[in-house]
Amino acid sequence: MCRDQTNQKKGRKLPPLCIGWAVAMGIVLLPFRSLAAEDSQLNALQAYWRAQAPWCPFHSSSGDPAKNPVLKEFASKNEDGVGSNTPPCNDGDSIMFNALLCLAGVSGEGAAGEVGCDVVKHSQTLTEGSANYGRWWRSPRRNYLASLGQQPEGGSEATFSNDHALGVMAYIAQTKDVTAFQAWTDWIKNKGGICTSLVVPCMHGLPRYCPDDRCGFKYADCPLLDQLAKYLGLENKLCASERVKGAQARAWALADVLLLPFNSFLLPRLNDIIDKYGAGKQGAHSAGRITIIGGYCLCACRR
């Protein structure tokens, strides 16, 4: 206790031990008060974002063929020139943006609203017996339309893309959804097909994320899936065939040639970053290294 047991008179100064205890408690509590203030601010900002964000309405199967579909909504973006929460919504990249929210720990909106991990999860066909079992689509709405046969191949945009695949990988890494990974890679292996054209982004001989050459794997995708499978304690059988390995070797060779002009000014600037994150030595074909380089080139080209 901090009461002076020998003198109970008012105005008595606190003993040194009590002063030390009070200071120590203040030091301990200050960070918690600071963190509490930050949490409160983040909660307020997140509530504001949720109120302002466009939500895309869609129907989802109730799981019972005898019942009508359930009307839900998910975080998306507005079609150009369309007001908030007004269909038609632009959900073409919803799986990628919600994967980033998933990584940030943003959770769902309850039974009727989905955001973050739930949006990615429900963009995958997991209906037993479906020819598309394991396949991912651009959004939950597209997934539902596909179940009605309303997502044909060969339209103005492909049903998926290699950019969206990065979102799926992020979701799987965050949630460790082994079932989703296995179902997805099995569908790609059996139904996605192999790139046959020489048009970018389809690299001849590599797998595709959908039956369209616009869904072709990038040169870093098989190595990234290898790392993801290892993280999950699995094997990436999709990229294990000799045919795919040969195509991957040709893709690396092409990447090496394309990077030659950049060696004098690009790679030296990246070496410190790449070495810091242990992404492989210069000249090594590591998924981390080539992803950093590819991201840098993409950003530089868009400036």
C-alpha atoms as a PDB file:
ATOM      1  CA  MET A   1       0.000   0.000   0.000  1.00  0.00           C
ATOM      2  CA  CYS A   2       1.061   3.611  -0.604  1.00  0.00           C
ATOM      3  CA  ARG A   3      -0.301   4.965   2.686  1.00  0.00           C
ATOM      4  CA  ASP A   4       2.308   6.145   5.161  1.00  0.00           C
ATOM      5  CA  GLN A   5       1.581   3.882   8.127  1.00  0.00           C
ATOM      6  CA  THR A   6       3.579   6.024  10.588  1.00  0.00           C
ATOM      7  CA  ASN A   7       1.909   9.372   9.980  1.00  0.00           C
ATOM      8  CA  GLN A   8      -1.701   9.821   8.851  1.00  0.00           C
ATOM      9  CA  LYS A   9      -1.690  13.661   8.906  1.00  0.00           C
ATOM     10  CA  LYS A  10      -3.126  15.455   5.907  1.00  0.00           C
ATOM     11  CA  GLY A  11      -0.587  17.027   3.666  1.00  0.00           C
ATOM     12  CA  ARG A  12       1.922  14.258   4.224  1.00  0.00           C
ATOM     13  CA  LYS A  13       4.001  13.757   1.083  1.00  0.00           C
ATOM     14  CA  LEU A  14       3.936  10.390  -0.624  1.00  0.00           C
ATOM     15  CA  PRO A  15       6.863   8.151   0.235  1.00  0.00           C
ATOM     16  CA  PRO A  16       9.449   7.660  -2.568  1.00  0.00           C
ATOM     17  CA  LEU A  17       8.199   4.116  -3.180  1.00  0.00           C
ATOM     18  CA  CYS A  18       4.680   5.393  -3.867  1.00  0.00           C
ATOM     19  CA  ILE A  19       5.954   8.086  -6.212  1.00  0.00           C
ATOM     20  CA  GLY A  20       7.924   5.462  -8.145  1.00  0.00           C
ATOM     21  CA  TRP A  21       4.855   3.212  -8.340  1.00  0.00           C
ATOM     22  CA  ALA A  22       2.696   6.071  -9.654  1.00  0.00           C
ATOM     23  CA  VAL A  23       5.274   7.036 -12.294  1.00  0.00           C
ATOM     24  CA  ALA A  24       5.691   3.417 -13.388  1.00  0.00           C
ATOM     25  CA  MET A  25       1.942   2.967 -13.753  1.00  0.00           C
ATOM     26  CA  GLY A  26       1.772   6.160 -15.787  1.00  0.00           C
ATOM     27  CA  ILE A  27       4.493   4.926 -18.115  1.00  0.00           C
ATOM     28  CA  VAL A  28       2.709   1.589 -18.534  1.00  0.00           C
ATOM     29  CA  LEU A  29      -0.703   3.122 -19.131  1.00  0.00           C
ATOM     30  CA  LEU A  30       0.383   5.826 -21.581  1.00  0.00           C
ATOM     31  CA  PRO A  31       0.972   3.413 -24.505  1.00  0.00           C
ATOM     32  CA  PHE A  32      -2.387   1.755 -23.844  1.00  0.00           C
ATOM     33  CA  ARG A  33      -4.109   5.134 -23.851  1.00  0.00           C
ATOM     34  CA  SER A  34      -2.314   5.980 -27.095  1.00  0.00           C
ATOM     35  CA  LEU A  35      -3.271   2.650 -28.667  1.00  0.00           C
ATOM     36  CA  ALA A  36      -6.850   3.060 -27.490  1.00  0.00           C
ATOM     37  CA  ALA A  37      -6.987   6.486 -29.153  1.00  0.00           C
ATOM     38  CA  GLU A  38      -5.582   5.044 -32.372  1.00  0.00           C
ATOM     39  CA  ASP A  39      -8.089   2.183 -32.293  1.00  0.00           C
ATOM     40  CA  SER A  40     -10.916   4.628 -31.760  1.00  0.00           C
ATOM     41  CA  GLN A  41      -9.742   6.756 -34.690  1.00  0.00           C
ATOM     42  CA  LEU A  42      -9.354   3.728 -36.942  1.00  0.00           C
ATOM     43  CA  ASN A  43     -12.815   2.486 -35.990  1.00  0.00           C
ATOM     44  CA  ALA A  44     -14.278   5.894 -36.823  1.00  0.00           C
ATOM     45  CA  LEU A  45     -12.497   5.985 -40.191  1.00  0.00           C
ATOM     46  CA  GLN A  46     -13.567   2.442 -40.992  1.00  0.00           C
ATOM     47  CA  ALA A  47     -17.180   3.253 -40.104  1.00  0.00           C
ATOM     48  CA  TYR A  48     -17.005   6.289 -42.409  1.00  0.00           C
ATOM     49  CA  TRP A  49     -15.550   4.174 -45.204  1.00  0.00           C
ATOM     50  CA  ARG A  50     -18.240   1.527 -44.818  1.00  0.00           C
ATOM     51  CA  ALA A  51     -20.937   4.192 -44.989  1.00  0.00           C
ATOM     52  CA  GLN A  52     -19.460   5.784 -48.135  1.00  0.00           C
ATOM     53  CA  ALA A  53     -18.271   2.685 -50.003  1.00  0.00           C
ATOM     54  CA  PRO A  54     -20.345   1.482 -52.963  1.00  0.00           C
ATOM     55  CA  TRP A  55     -22.063  -1.844 -52.369  1.00  0.00           C
ATOM     56  CA  CYS A  56     -22.930  -4.173 -55.204  1.00  0.00           C
ATOM     57  CA  PRO A  57     -26.228  -6.096 -54.829  1.00  0.00           C
ATOM     58  CA  PHE A  58     -26.251  -9.732 -55.913  1.00  0.00           C
ATOM     59  CA  HIS A  59     -28.131 -12.961 -55.422  1.00  0.00           C
ATOM     60  CA  SER A  60     -26.546 -15.876 -53.649  1.00  0.00           C
ATOM     61  CA  SER A  61     -27.753 -19.438 -53.551  1.00  0.00           C
ATOM     62  CA  SER A  62     -29.606 -20.267 -50.348  1.00  0.00           C
ATOM     63  CA  GLY A  63     -28.154 -23.796 -50.428  1.00  0.00           C
ATOM     64  CA  ASP A  64     -31.649 -25.242 -50.799  1.00  0.00           C
ATOM     65  CA  PRO A  65     -32.910 -25.709 -54.374  1.00  0.00           C
ATOM     66  CA  ALA A  66     -36.476 -25.358 -53.087  1.00  0.00           C
ATOM     67  CA  LYS A  67     -35.823 -21.866 -51.732  1.00  0.00           C
ATOM     68  CA  ASN A  68     -35.280 -18.603 -53.557  1.00  0.00           C
ATOM     69  CA  PRO A  69     -31.772 -17.099 -53.760  1.00  0.00           C
ATOM     70  CA  VAL A  70     -30.733 -14.740 -50.979  1.00  0.00           C
ATOM     71  CA  LEU A  71     -30.194 -11.075 -51.846  1.00  0.00           C
ATOM     72  CA  LYS A  72     -26.862  -9.799 -50.519  1.00  0.00           C
ATOM     73  CA  GLU A  73     -24.366  -7.048 -51.280  1.00  0.00           C
ATOM     74  CA  PHE A  74     -20.583  -6.779 -51.294  1.00  0.00           C
ATOM     75  CA  ALA A  75     -18.031  -3.979 -51.305  1.00  0.00           C
ATOM     76  CA  SER A  76     -17.194  -3.023 -54.876  1.00  0.00           C
ATOM     77  CA  LYS A  77     -16.929   0.162 -56.937  1.00  0.00           C
ATOM     78  CA  ASN A  78     -19.380   2.230 -58.948  1.00  0.00           C
ATOM     79  CA  GLU A  79     -19.724   2.088 -62.674  1.00  0.00           C
ATOM     80  CA  ASP A  80     -18.392   5.281 -64.232  1.00  0.00           C
ATOM     81  CA  GLY A  81     -20.989   8.011 -63.903  1.00  0.00           C
ATOM     82  CA  VAL A  82     -23.237   6.011 -61.583  1.00  0.00           C
ATOM     83  CA  GLY A  83     -24.067   7.148 -58.066  1.00  0.00           C
ATOM     84  CA  SER A  84     -23.324   5.316 -54.835  1.00  0.00           C
ATOM     85  CA  ASN A  85     -25.125   2.012 -54.252  1.00  0.00           C
ATOM     86  CA  THR A  86     -26.803   2.205 -57.641  1.00  0.00           C
ATOM     87  CA  PRO A  87     -26.606  -0.771 -59.991  1.00  0.00           C
ATOM     88  CA  PRO A  88     -25.044  -1.595 -62.320  1.00  0.00           C
ATOM     89  CA  CYS A  89     -21.922  -1.788 -60.197  1.00  0.00           C
ATOM     90  CA  ASN A  90     -18.461  -2.314 -61.597  1.00  0.00           C
ATOM     91  CA  ASP A  91     -17.395  -5.559 -59.922  1.00  0.00           C
ATOM     92  CA  GLY A  92     -14.771  -6.626 -62.447  1.00  0.00           C
ATOM     93  CA  ASP A  93     -11.876  -6.259 -59.988  1.00  0.00           C
ATOM     94  CA  SER A  94     -13.761  -6.890 -56.747  1.00  0.00           C
ATOM     95  CA  ILE A  95     -11.893 -10.064 -55.903  1.00  0.00           C
ATOM     96  CA  MET A  96      -8.534  -8.261 -56.013  1.00  0.00           C
ATOM     97  CA  PHE A  97      -9.557  -5.216 -53.958  1.00  0.00           C
ATOM     98  CA  ASN A  98     -11.353  -7.313 -51.349  1.00  0.00           C
ATOM     99  CA  ALA A  99      -8.291  -9.540 -51.048  1.00  0.00           C
ATOM    100  CA  LEU A 100      -6.336  -6.458 -49.948  1.00  0.00           C
ATOM    101  CA  LEU A 101      -9.066  -5.697 -47.401  1.00  0.00           C
ATOM    102  CA  CYS A 102      -8.830  -9.308 -46.284  1.00  0.00           C
ATOM    103  CA  LEU A 103      -5.111  -8.905 -45.640  1.00  0.00           C
ATOM    104  CA  ALA A 104      -5.877  -5.746 -43.638  1.00  0.00           C
ATOM    105  CA  GLY A 105      -8.233  -7.684 -41.387  1.00  0.00           C
ATOM    106  CA  VAL A 106     -11.464  -6.036 -42.577  1.00  0.00           C
ATOM    107  CA  SER A 107     -14.330  -8.423 -41.828  1.00  0.00           C
ATOM    108  CA  GLY A 108     -17.891  -8.897 -43.029  1.00  0.00           C
ATOM    109  CA  GLU A 109     -20.971  -6.755 -42.643  1.00  0.00           C
ATOM    110  CA  GLY A 110     -23.248  -9.443 -41.232  1.00  0.00           C
ATOM    111  CA  ALA A 111     -25.607 -11.831 -42.979  1.00  0.00           C
ATOM    112  CA  ALA A 112     -26.535  -9.490 -45.829  1.00  0.00           C
ATOM    113  CA  GLY A 113     -23.238  -7.688 -46.465  1.00  0.00           C
ATOM    114  CA  GLU A 114     -19.840  -9.034 -47.418  1.00  0.00           C
ATOM    115  CA  VAL A 115     -16.427  -7.396 -47.489  1.00  0.00           C
ATOM    116  CA  GLY A 116     -12.825  -8.618 -47.451  1.00  0.00           C
ATOM    117  CA  CYS A 117     -12.190 -12.350 -47.102  1.00  0.00           C
ATOM    118  CA  ASP A 118     -15.866 -13.302 -47.531  1.00  0.00           C
ATOM    119  CA  VAL A 119     -16.053 -11.661 -50.957  1.00  0.00           C
ATOM    120  CA  VAL A 120     -13.046 -13.618 -52.208  1.00  0.00           C
ATOM    121  CA  LYS A 121     -14.273 -16.856 -50.662  1.00  0.00           C
ATOM    122  CA  HIS A 122     -17.717 -16.593 -52.244  1.00  0.00           C
ATOM    123  CA  SER A 123     -16.283 -15.806 -55.673  1.00  0.00           C
ATOM    124  CA  GLN A 124     -15.215 -19.448 -55.986  1.00  0.00           C
ATOM    125  CA  THR A 125     -17.515 -22.190 -57.243  1.00  0.00           C
ATOM    126  CA  LEU A 126     -17.654 -24.885 -54.583  1.00  0.00           C
ATOM    127  CA  THR A 127     -20.878 -26.632 -55.591  1.00  0.00           C
ATOM    128  CA  GLU A 128     -20.266 -30.376 -55.582  1.00  0.00           C
ATOM    129  CA  GLY A 129     -20.734 -31.905 -59.008  1.00  0.00           C
ATOM    130  CA  SER A 130     -20.336 -28.613 -60.866  1.00  0.00           C
ATOM    131  CA  ALA A 131     -18.066 -28.616 -63.914  1.00  0.00           C
ATOM    132  CA  ASN A 132     -16.612 -25.385 -62.495  1.00  0.00           C
ATOM    133  CA  TYR A 133     -15.878 -26.792 -59.036  1.00  0.00           C
ATOM    134  CA  GLY A 134     -12.832 -24.921 -57.711  1.00  0.00           C
ATOM    135  CA  ARG A 135     -12.940 -22.172 -60.325  1.00  0.00           C
ATOM    136  CA  TRP A 136     -12.700 -18.542 -59.250  1.00  0.00           C
ATOM    137  CA  TRP A 137     -14.638 -15.669 -60.819  1.00  0.00           C
ATOM    138  CA  ARG A 138     -14.301 -11.901 -60.643  1.00  0.00           C
ATOM    139  CA  SER A 139     -16.870 -11.479 -57.857  1.00  0.00           C
ATOM    140  CA  PRO A 140     -19.622 -13.299 -55.921  1.00  0.00           C
ATOM    141  CA  ARG A 141     -22.160 -11.870 -58.372  1.00  0.00           C
ATOM    142  CA  ARG A 142     -20.256 -13.296 -61.335  1.00  0.00           C
ATOM    143  CA  ASN A 143     -20.027 -16.631 -59.512  1.00  0.00           C
ATOM    144  CA  TYR A 144     -23.808 -16.736 -59.099  1.00  0.00           C
ATOM    145  CA  LEU A 145     -24.389 -15.732 -62.736  1.00  0.00           C
ATOM    146  CA  ALA A 146     -22.009 -18.506 -63.794  1.00  0.00           C
ATOM    147  CA  SER A 147     -24.201 -21.017 -61.958  1.00  0.00           C
ATOM    148  CA  LEU A 148     -27.026 -19.873 -64.247  1.00  0.00           C
ATOM    149  CA  GLY A 149     -24.844 -20.237 -67.350  1.00  0.00           C
ATOM    150  CA  GLN A 150     -24.547 -16.462 -67.785  1.00  0.00           C
ATOM    151  CA  GLN A 151     -20.757 -16.084 -67.821  1.00  0.00           C
ATOM    152  CA  PRO A 152     -19.724 -17.227 -71.299  1.00  0.00           C
ATOM    153  CA  GLU A 153     -16.124 -17.321 -72.444  1.00  0.00           C
ATOM    154  CA  GLY A 154     -14.786 -14.957 -75.091  1.00  0.00           C
ATOM    155  CA  GLY A 155     -16.599 -11.782 -74.083  1.00  0.00           C
ATOM    156  CA  SER A 156     -15.202  -8.270 -74.055  1.00  0.00           C
ATOM    157  CA  GLU A 157     -13.312  -9.209 -70.889  1.00  0.00           C
ATOM    158  CA  ALA A 158     -12.076 -12.582 -69.692  1.00  0.00           C
ATOM    159  CA  THR A 159     -13.867 -14.218 -66.770  1.00  0.00           C
ATOM    160  CA  PHE A 160     -10.688 -13.927 -64.670  1.00  0.00           C
ATOM    161  CA  SER A 161      -7.120 -12.611 -64.929  1.00  0.00           C
ATOM    162  CA  ASN A 162      -3.627 -13.175 -63.579  1.00  0.00           C
ATOM    163  CA  ASP A 163      -3.978  -9.961 -61.536  1.00  0.00           C
ATOM    164  CA  HIS A 164      -7.023 -11.417 -59.782  1.00  0.00           C
ATOM    165  CA  ALA A 165      -5.012 -14.561 -59.130  1.00  0.00           C
ATOM    166  CA  LEU A 166      -2.679 -12.540 -56.898  1.00  0.00           C
ATOM    167  CA  GLY A 167      -5.727 -11.576 -54.847  1.00  0.00           C
ATOM    168  CA  VAL A 168      -6.718 -15.227 -54.523  1.00  0.00           C
ATOM    169  CA  MET A 169      -3.194 -16.152 -53.420  1.00  0.00           C
ATOM    170  CA  ALA A 170      -3.280 -13.378 -50.817  1.00  0.00           C
ATOM    171  CA  TYR A 171      -6.633 -14.633 -49.508  1.00  0.00           C
ATOM    172  CA  ILE A 172      -5.399 -18.231 -49.299  1.00  0.00           C
ATOM    173  CA  ALA A 173      -2.216 -17.187 -47.520  1.00  0.00           C
ATOM    174  CA  GLN A 174      -4.206 -15.074 -45.048  1.00  0.00           C
ATOM    175  CA  THR A 175      -6.854 -17.707 -44.283  1.00  0.00           C
ATOM    176  CA  LYS A 176      -4.819 -20.867 -44.960  1.00  0.00           C
ATOM    177  CA  ASP A 177      -7.785 -22.183 -46.927  1.00  0.00           C
ATOM    178  CA  VAL A 178      -6.275 -25.493 -48.039  1.00  0.00           C
ATOM    179  CA  THR A 179      -9.523 -26.763 -49.581  1.00  0.00           C
ATOM    180  CA  ALA A 180      -9.826 -23.677 -51.769  1.00  0.00           C
ATOM    181  CA  PHE A 181      -6.210 -23.977 -52.942  1.00  0.00           C
ATOM    182  CA  GLN A 182      -6.517 -27.642 -53.846  1.00  0.00           C
ATOM    183  CA  ALA A 183      -9.859 -27.208 -55.608  1.00  0.00           C
ATOM    184  CA  TRP A 184      -8.545 -24.187 -57.525  1.00  0.00           C
ATOM    185  CA  THR A 185      -5.298 -25.743 -58.739  1.00  0.00           C
ATOM    186  CA  ASP A 186      -7.122 -28.988 -59.650  1.00  0.00           C
ATOM    187  CA  TRP A 187      -9.608 -27.036 -61.780  1.00  0.00           C
ATOM    188  CA  ILE A 188      -6.830 -25.076 -63.508  1.00  0.00           C
ATOM    189  CA  LYS A 189      -4.938 -28.278 -64.228  1.00  0.00           C
ATOM    190  CA  ASN A 190      -7.966 -30.133 -65.590  1.00  0.00           C
ATOM    191  CA  LYS A 191     -10.082 -27.367 -67.124  1.00  0.00           C
ATOM    192  CA  GLY A 192      -8.069 -24.161 -67.514  1.00  0.00           C
ATOM    193  CA  GLY A 193      -5.943 -25.430 -70.353  1.00  0.00           C
ATOM    194  CA  ILE A 194      -2.524 -24.330 -71.581  1.00  0.00           C
ATOM    195  CA  CYS A 195      -1.554 -21.101 -73.315  1.00  0.00           C
ATOM    196  CA  THR A 196      -1.294 -21.687 -77.033  1.00  0.00           C
ATOM    197  CA  SER A 197      -0.753 -18.187 -78.397  1.00  0.00           C
ATOM    198  CA  LEU A 198       2.353 -16.029 -78.260  1.00  0.00           C
ATOM    199  CA  VAL A 199       0.411 -12.936 -77.264  1.00  0.00           C
ATOM    200  CA  VAL A 200       1.159 -11.354 -73.872  1.00  0.00           C
ATOM    201  CA  PRO A 201       0.073 -12.124 -71.179  1.00  0.00           C
ATOM    202  CA  CYS A 202      -0.186 -15.719 -72.376  1.00  0.00           C
ATOM    203  CA  MET A 203       3.251 -17.364 -72.243  1.00  0.00           C
ATOM    204  CA  HIS A 204       3.204 -20.410 -74.498  1.00  0.00           C
ATOM    205  CA  GLY A 205       2.997 -23.683 -72.578  1.00  0.00           C
ATOM    206  CA  LEU A 206       2.094 -22.212 -69.175  1.00  0.00           C
ATOM    207  CA  PRO A 207      -1.319 -22.866 -67.568  1.00  0.00           C
ATOM    208  CA  ARG A 208      -4.296 -20.514 -67.731  1.00  0.00           C
ATOM    209  CA  TYR A 209      -6.633 -19.348 -64.963  1.00  0.00           C
ATOM    210  CA  CYS A 210      -9.614 -19.680 -67.320  1.00  0.00           C
ATOM    211  CA  PRO A 211     -10.183 -21.158 -70.805  1.00  0.00           C
ATOM    212  CA  ASP A 212      -8.990 -17.963 -72.479  1.00  0.00           C
ATOM    213  CA  ASP A 213      -5.440 -16.949 -73.396  1.00  0.00           C
ATOM    214  CA  ARG A 214      -6.068 -13.611 -71.680  1.00  0.00           C
ATOM    215  CA  CYS A 215      -6.022 -15.607 -68.422  1.00  0.00           C
ATOM    216  CA  GLY A 216      -2.501 -16.928 -68.975  1.00  0.00           C
ATOM    217  CA  PHE A 217       0.044 -17.375 -66.192  1.00  0.00           C
ATOM    218  CA  LYS A 218       2.790 -14.793 -65.789  1.00  0.00           C
ATOM    219  CA  TYR A 219       6.350 -16.080 -65.544  1.00  0.00           C
ATOM    220  CA  ALA A 220       6.282 -15.658 -61.742  1.00  0.00           C
ATOM    221  CA  ASP A 221       2.955 -17.418 -61.111  1.00  0.00           C
ATOM    222  CA  CYS A 222       4.170 -21.026 -60.897  1.00  0.00           C
ATOM    223  CA  PRO A 223       6.995 -20.052 -58.495  1.00  0.00           C
ATOM    224  CA  LEU A 224       4.500 -18.072 -56.406  1.00  0.00           C
ATOM    225  CA  LEU A 225       2.127 -21.041 -56.276  1.00  0.00           C
ATOM    226  CA  ASP A 226       5.084 -23.249 -55.316  1.00  0.00           C
ATOM    227  CA  GLN A 227       5.778 -20.958 -52.348  1.00  0.00           C
ATOM    228  CA  LEU A 228       2.110 -20.822 -51.383  1.00  0.00           C
ATOM    229  CA  ALA A 229       1.814 -24.611 -51.488  1.00  0.00           C
ATOM    230  CA  LYS A 230       4.930 -24.920 -49.335  1.00  0.00           C
ATOM    231  CA  TYR A 231       3.447 -22.454 -46.847  1.00  0.00           C
ATOM    232  CA  LEU A 232       0.309 -24.636 -46.659  1.00  0.00           C
ATOM    233  CA  GLY A 233       2.325 -27.841 -46.306  1.00  0.00           C
ATOM    234  CA  LEU A 234       1.270 -29.070 -49.740  1.00  0.00           C
ATOM    235  CA  GLU A 235       2.743 -29.773 -53.170  1.00  0.00           C
ATOM    236  CA  ASN A 236       1.949 -27.656 -56.201  1.00  0.00           C
ATOM    237  CA  LYS A 237       1.051 -30.461 -58.595  1.00  0.00           C
ATOM    238  CA  LEU A 238      -0.273 -27.961 -61.117  1.00  0.00           C
ATOM    239  CA  CYS A 239       3.239 -26.797 -62.044  1.00  0.00           C
ATOM    240  CA  ALA A 240       5.003 -30.136 -61.497  1.00  0.00           C
ATOM    241  CA  SER A 241       4.613 -31.674 -64.968  1.00  0.00           C
ATOM    242  CA  GLU A 242       7.607 -31.761 -67.296  1.00  0.00           C
ATOM    243  CA  ARG A 243       5.649 -29.803 -69.894  1.00  0.00           C
ATOM    244  CA  VAL A 244       4.959 -26.927 -67.505  1.00  0.00           C
ATOM    245  CA  LYS A 245       8.519 -27.045 -66.137  1.00  0.00           C
ATOM    246  CA  GLY A 246       9.841 -26.737 -69.677  1.00  0.00           C
ATOM    247  CA  ALA A 247       7.551 -23.791 -70.389  1.00  0.00           C
ATOM    248  CA  GLN A 248       8.644 -22.168 -67.120  1.00  0.00           C
ATOM    249  CA  ALA A 249      12.306 -22.541 -68.086  1.00  0.00           C
ATOM    250  CA  ARG A 250      11.603 -20.831 -71.420  1.00  0.00           C
ATOM    251  CA  ALA A 251       9.713 -18.076 -69.596  1.00  0.00           C
ATOM    252  CA  TRP A 252      12.702 -17.477 -67.288  1.00  0.00           C
ATOM    253  CA  ALA A 253      15.026 -17.340 -70.282  1.00  0.00           C
ATOM    254  CA  LEU A 254      12.782 -14.754 -71.954  1.00  0.00           C
ATOM    255  CA  ALA A 255      12.630 -12.719 -68.739  1.00  0.00           C
ATOM    256  CA  ASP A 256      16.434 -12.765 -68.493  1.00  0.00           C
ATOM    257  CA  VAL A 257      16.754 -11.426 -72.041  1.00  0.00           C
ATOM    258  CA  LEU A 258      14.148  -8.727 -71.492  1.00  0.00           C
ATOM    259  CA  LEU A 259      15.915  -7.571 -68.319  1.00  0.00           C
ATOM    260  CA  LEU A 260      19.326  -7.203 -69.951  1.00  0.00           C
ATOM    261  CA  PRO A 261      18.770  -3.565 -71.039  1.00  0.00           C
ATOM    262  CA  PHE A 262      17.784  -2.674 -67.468  1.00  0.00           C
ATOM    263  CA  ASN A 263      20.810  -4.164 -65.738  1.00  0.00           C
ATOM    264  CA  SER A 264      22.798  -0.947 -65.900  1.00  0.00           C
ATOM    265  CA  PHE A 265      20.259   1.244 -64.074  1.00  0.00           C
ATOM    266  CA  LEU A 266      17.317  -0.879 -62.841  1.00  0.00           C
ATOM    267  CA  LEU A 267      18.825  -3.768 -60.889  1.00  0.00           C
ATOM    268  CA  PRO A 268      21.393  -1.755 -58.889  1.00  0.00           C
ATOM    269  CA  ARG A 269      18.563   0.348 -57.493  1.00  0.00           C
ATOM    270  CA  LEU A 270      16.635  -2.772 -56.529  1.00  0.00           C
ATOM    271  CA  ASN A 271      19.462  -4.855 -55.095  1.00  0.00           C
ATOM    272  CA  ASP A 272      19.291  -3.280 -51.633  1.00  0.00           C
ATOM    273  CA  ILE A 273      15.537  -3.862 -51.429  1.00  0.00           C
ATOM    274  CA  ILE A 274      15.746  -7.382 -52.802  1.00  0.00           C
ATOM    275  CA  ASP A 275      18.633  -8.341 -50.515  1.00  0.00           C
ATOM    276  CA  LYS A 276      16.820  -6.858 -47.507  1.00  0.00           C
ATOM    277  CA  TYR A 277      13.823  -9.107 -48.016  1.00  0.00           C
ATOM    278  CA  GLY A 278      15.854 -12.179 -48.887  1.00  0.00           C
ATOM    279  CA  ALA A 279      14.328 -12.473 -52.330  1.00  0.00           C
ATOM    280  CA  GLY A 280      17.242 -14.257 -53.974  1.00  0.00           C
ATOM    281  CA  LYS A 281      20.584 -13.254 -55.420  1.00  0.00           C
ATOM    282  CA  GLN A 282      20.994 -11.382 -58.676  1.00  0.00           C
ATOM    283  CA  GLY A 283      20.491 -13.800 -61.536  1.00  0.00           C
ATOM    284  CA  ALA A 284      18.503 -16.211 -59.374  1.00  0.00           C
ATOM    285  CA  HIS A 285      15.019 -17.174 -60.531  1.00  0.00           C
ATOM    286  CA  SER A 286      13.199 -16.658 -57.257  1.00  0.00           C
ATOM    287  CA  ALA A 287       9.521 -15.758 -57.092  1.00  0.00           C
ATOM    288  CA  GLY A 288      10.215 -12.908 -54.685  1.00  0.00           C
ATOM    289  CA  ARG A 289      12.929 -11.337 -56.821  1.00  0.00           C
ATOM    290  CA  ILE A 290      11.086 -11.489 -60.106  1.00  0.00           C
ATOM    291  CA  THR A 291       7.877 -10.192 -58.488  1.00  0.00           C
ATOM    292  CA  ILE A 292       9.688  -7.142 -57.106  1.00  0.00           C
ATOM    293  CA  ILE A 293      11.332  -6.478 -60.458  1.00  0.00           C
ATOM    294  CA  GLY A 294       8.064  -6.977 -62.330  1.00  0.00           C
ATOM    295  CA  GLY A 295       6.236  -4.646 -59.954  1.00  0.00           C
ATOM    296  CA  TYR A 296       8.906  -1.990 -60.353  1.00  0.00           C
ATOM    297  CA  CYS A 297       8.772  -2.231 -64.149  1.00  0.00           C
ATOM    298  CA  LEU A 298       4.976  -2.024 -64.109  1.00  0.00           C
ATOM    299  CA  CYS A 299       4.974   1.077 -61.917  1.00  0.00           C
ATOM    300  CA  ALA A 300       7.736   2.716 -63.960  1.00  0.00           C
ATOM    301  CA  CYS A 301       5.854   2.078 -67.201  1.00  0.00           C
ATOM    302  CA  ARG A 302       2.670   3.677 -65.828  1.00  0.00           C
ATOM    303  CA  ARG A 303       4.343   6.940 -64.799  1.00  0.00           C
END
